[in-house]
Protein backbone atom coordinates (compact mmCIF):
# COMPACT_ATOMS: atom_id res chain seq x y z
CA MET A 1 128.41 119.43 194.43
CA GLU A 2 130.60 120.61 191.57
CA ARG A 3 131.13 118.79 188.30
CA LYS A 4 132.74 119.41 184.94
CA ILE A 5 130.43 120.49 182.13
CA PRO A 6 131.07 118.76 178.78
CA ASP A 7 132.42 120.95 175.99
CA PHE A 8 130.11 120.92 172.95
CA SER A 9 131.98 123.77 171.22
CA GLY A 10 133.35 123.37 167.72
CA THR A 11 132.27 123.09 164.11
CA TRP A 12 130.53 119.78 163.48
CA GLU A 13 129.94 118.07 160.14
CA MET A 14 127.09 115.58 159.70
CA LYS A 15 128.23 112.09 158.70
CA SER A 16 124.90 110.25 158.72
CA SER A 17 121.21 110.61 159.44
CA GLU A 18 118.34 108.20 159.98
CA ASN A 19 114.57 108.71 159.54
CA PHE A 20 114.54 112.49 158.88
CA GLU A 21 111.97 112.25 156.08
CA GLU A 22 109.81 109.96 158.23
CA LEU A 23 109.86 112.54 161.03
CA LEU A 24 108.72 115.29 158.66
CA LYS A 25 105.96 113.01 157.38
CA ALA A 26 104.80 112.22 160.94
CA LEU A 27 104.68 115.98 161.62
CA GLY A 28 102.42 116.51 158.59
CA VAL A 29 104.90 118.29 156.30
CA ASN A 30 103.77 118.02 152.65
CA ILE A 31 105.81 115.99 150.18
CA MET A 32 107.31 118.96 148.29
CA LEU A 33 108.59 120.62 151.46
CA ARG A 34 109.86 117.24 152.70
CA MET A 35 111.89 116.75 149.53
CA ILE A 36 113.43 120.22 149.87
CA ALA A 37 114.14 119.77 153.58
CA VAL A 38 115.75 116.34 153.15
CA LYS A 39 117.99 117.60 150.34
CA ALA A 40 118.94 120.76 152.27
CA ALA A 41 119.66 118.83 155.46
CA SER A 42 121.92 116.31 153.76
CA LYS A 43 125.15 118.13 154.72
CA PRO A 44 124.51 120.73 157.43
CA LEU A 45 127.36 122.39 159.24
CA VAL A 46 126.77 123.00 162.95
CA GLU A 47 128.79 125.61 164.83
CA ILE A 48 128.51 125.51 168.62
CA THR A 49 129.96 128.05 171.00
CA GLN A 50 129.65 127.51 174.71
CA ASP A 51 130.10 129.56 177.86
CA GLY A 52 129.48 127.27 180.82
CA GLU A 53 125.90 126.01 180.52
CA THR A 54 124.97 128.51 177.79
CA LEU A 55 125.18 127.12 174.26
CA SER A 56 124.80 128.98 170.99
CA ILE A 57 124.10 126.67 168.05
CA LYS A 58 124.17 127.81 164.42
CA THR A 59 123.05 125.24 161.84
CA SER A 60 123.76 126.09 158.20
CA THR A 61 122.33 124.28 155.18
CA THR A 62 122.09 125.23 151.51
CA VAL A 63 118.54 126.51 152.08
CA ARG A 64 118.65 128.27 155.43
CA THR A 65 120.58 129.00 158.58
CA THR A 66 119.07 128.68 162.05
CA HIS A 67 120.44 129.94 165.32
CA ILE A 68 119.46 129.18 168.91
CA THR A 69 121.00 130.23 172.19
CA PHE A 70 119.96 128.64 175.45
CA THR A 71 121.09 127.95 178.98
CA VAL A 72 120.58 124.43 180.35
CA GLY A 73 117.89 124.57 183.04
CA GLN A 74 116.11 127.64 181.58
CA GLU A 75 113.16 127.87 179.19
CA PHE A 76 113.73 129.46 175.79
CA ASN A 77 111.81 129.99 172.55
CA GLU A 78 112.71 128.23 169.32
CA THR A 79 110.95 126.60 166.38
CA THR A 80 110.40 122.90 165.82
CA VAL A 81 112.06 121.17 162.87
CA ASP A 82 108.85 121.81 160.88
CA GLY A 83 108.75 125.52 161.75
CA ARG A 84 106.22 125.70 164.61
CA PRO A 85 107.02 128.17 167.44
CA CYS A 86 107.61 126.38 170.72
CA THR A 87 108.90 126.82 174.23
CA SER A 88 111.78 124.50 175.04
CA PHE A 89 113.24 123.38 178.34
CA PRO A 90 116.72 121.78 178.20
CA VAL A 91 118.09 119.74 181.12
CA TRP A 92 121.11 117.52 181.72
CA GLU A 93 119.91 113.95 181.15
CA THR A 94 123.38 112.53 181.83
CA ASP A 95 126.85 114.01 182.29
CA ASN A 96 127.29 114.31 178.49
CA LYS A 97 123.70 114.57 177.26
CA ILE A 98 121.22 117.46 177.10
CA SER A 99 117.55 116.55 176.75
CA CYS A 100 114.93 119.10 175.69
CA GLU A 101 111.12 118.92 175.62
CA GLN A 102 109.38 121.27 173.18
CA THR A 103 105.88 122.61 173.92
CA LEU A 104 103.96 124.30 171.10
CA GLN A 105 103.09 127.92 171.80
CA LYS A 106 99.85 127.64 169.81
CA GLY A 107 98.02 125.18 167.65
CA ASP A 108 97.94 121.42 167.53
CA GLY A 109 100.44 118.84 166.50
CA PRO A 110 102.69 116.22 167.95
CA LYS A 111 104.87 117.20 170.87
CA THR A 112 108.55 116.94 169.99
CA SER A 113 111.85 116.64 171.82
CA TRP A 114 115.55 116.56 171.07
CA THR A 115 118.75 115.40 172.74
CA ARG A 116 122.35 116.36 172.08
CA GLU A 117 125.07 114.06 173.36
CA ILE A 118 128.86 113.96 173.19
CA THR A 119 129.94 110.31 172.95
CA SER A 120 133.01 108.81 174.60
CA ASP A 121 134.73 108.75 171.19
CA GLY A 122 134.08 112.47 170.64
CA LYS A 123 131.09 112.40 168.29
CA LEU A 124 127.98 114.58 168.61
CA ILE A 125 124.65 112.78 168.34
CA LEU A 126 121.46 114.79 167.80
CA VAL A 127 118.21 112.86 168.22
CA ARG A 128 114.80 114.36 167.40
CA GLN A 129 111.66 112.52 168.40
CA PRO A 130 107.96 113.24 167.91
CA GLU A 131 105.28 112.09 170.31
CA CYS A 132 102.97 110.31 167.88
CA PRO A 133 101.40 106.91 167.20
CA LEU A 134 104.85 105.79 166.04
CA ASN A 135 106.39 106.38 169.47
CA PHE A 136 109.31 104.18 168.52
CA MET A 137 110.30 106.61 165.76
CA ARG A 138 113.36 108.70 166.32
CA VAL A 139 115.58 110.64 164.00
CA MET A 140 119.29 110.44 164.61
CA PHE A 141 122.00 112.67 163.17
CA LEU A 142 125.65 111.75 163.75
CA TYR A 143 128.23 114.55 163.61
CA VAL A 144 132.00 114.46 163.78
CA LEU A 145 134.16 117.35 164.86
CA PHE A 146 135.30 119.26 161.79
CA ARG A 147 137.14 122.07 163.54
CA LYS A 148 137.60 122.64 167.25
CA THR A 149 136.61 126.00 168.67
CA TRP A 150 138.32 126.26 172.01
CA GLY A 151 135.83 127.32 174.63
CA SER A 152 136.16 127.66 178.32
CA ILE A 153 136.26 124.60 180.53
CA ALA A 154 133.39 125.18 182.87
CA THR A 155 132.12 123.80 186.12
CA ALA A 156 128.73 124.20 187.68
CA THR A 157 127.41 123.68 191.14
CA ASN A 158 124.15 122.16 192.23
CA LEU A 159 123.23 120.71 188.83
CA GLN A 160 120.21 118.48 188.75
CA SER A 161 120.42 115.13 187.04
């Protein structure tokens, strides 16, 4: 079965965020680092390039720039939002949504996950969620397309839901 893969490519500007400081607190990040992280993350710019199911995501803030490249359906290494090395496994949750579970490579701490979704009105929603006593907690970042980077329109066969 063949289906169209959504195009995440472009430069995205954050318009709003919810519960980011609470996430850092739940992950045990000290107050000084939380204050710096919240201030730095207030206006990130996210650049996504895409080749089929392979995405390259560069997130730039005033404090640091991070970069990940992954292929949906394949494990890859990255760091959690609080800097812990992890192994991540992204999958298509829906036609327009990638879901990713993160497993720590060493040490303790809450398990985390993220999703990235393109909405029907063309927005990008990034949700980060810790597995902790506050299971209802989730952090949501809403991005709007700032500049379109034209990527290839891709199709894939035999994708799992």
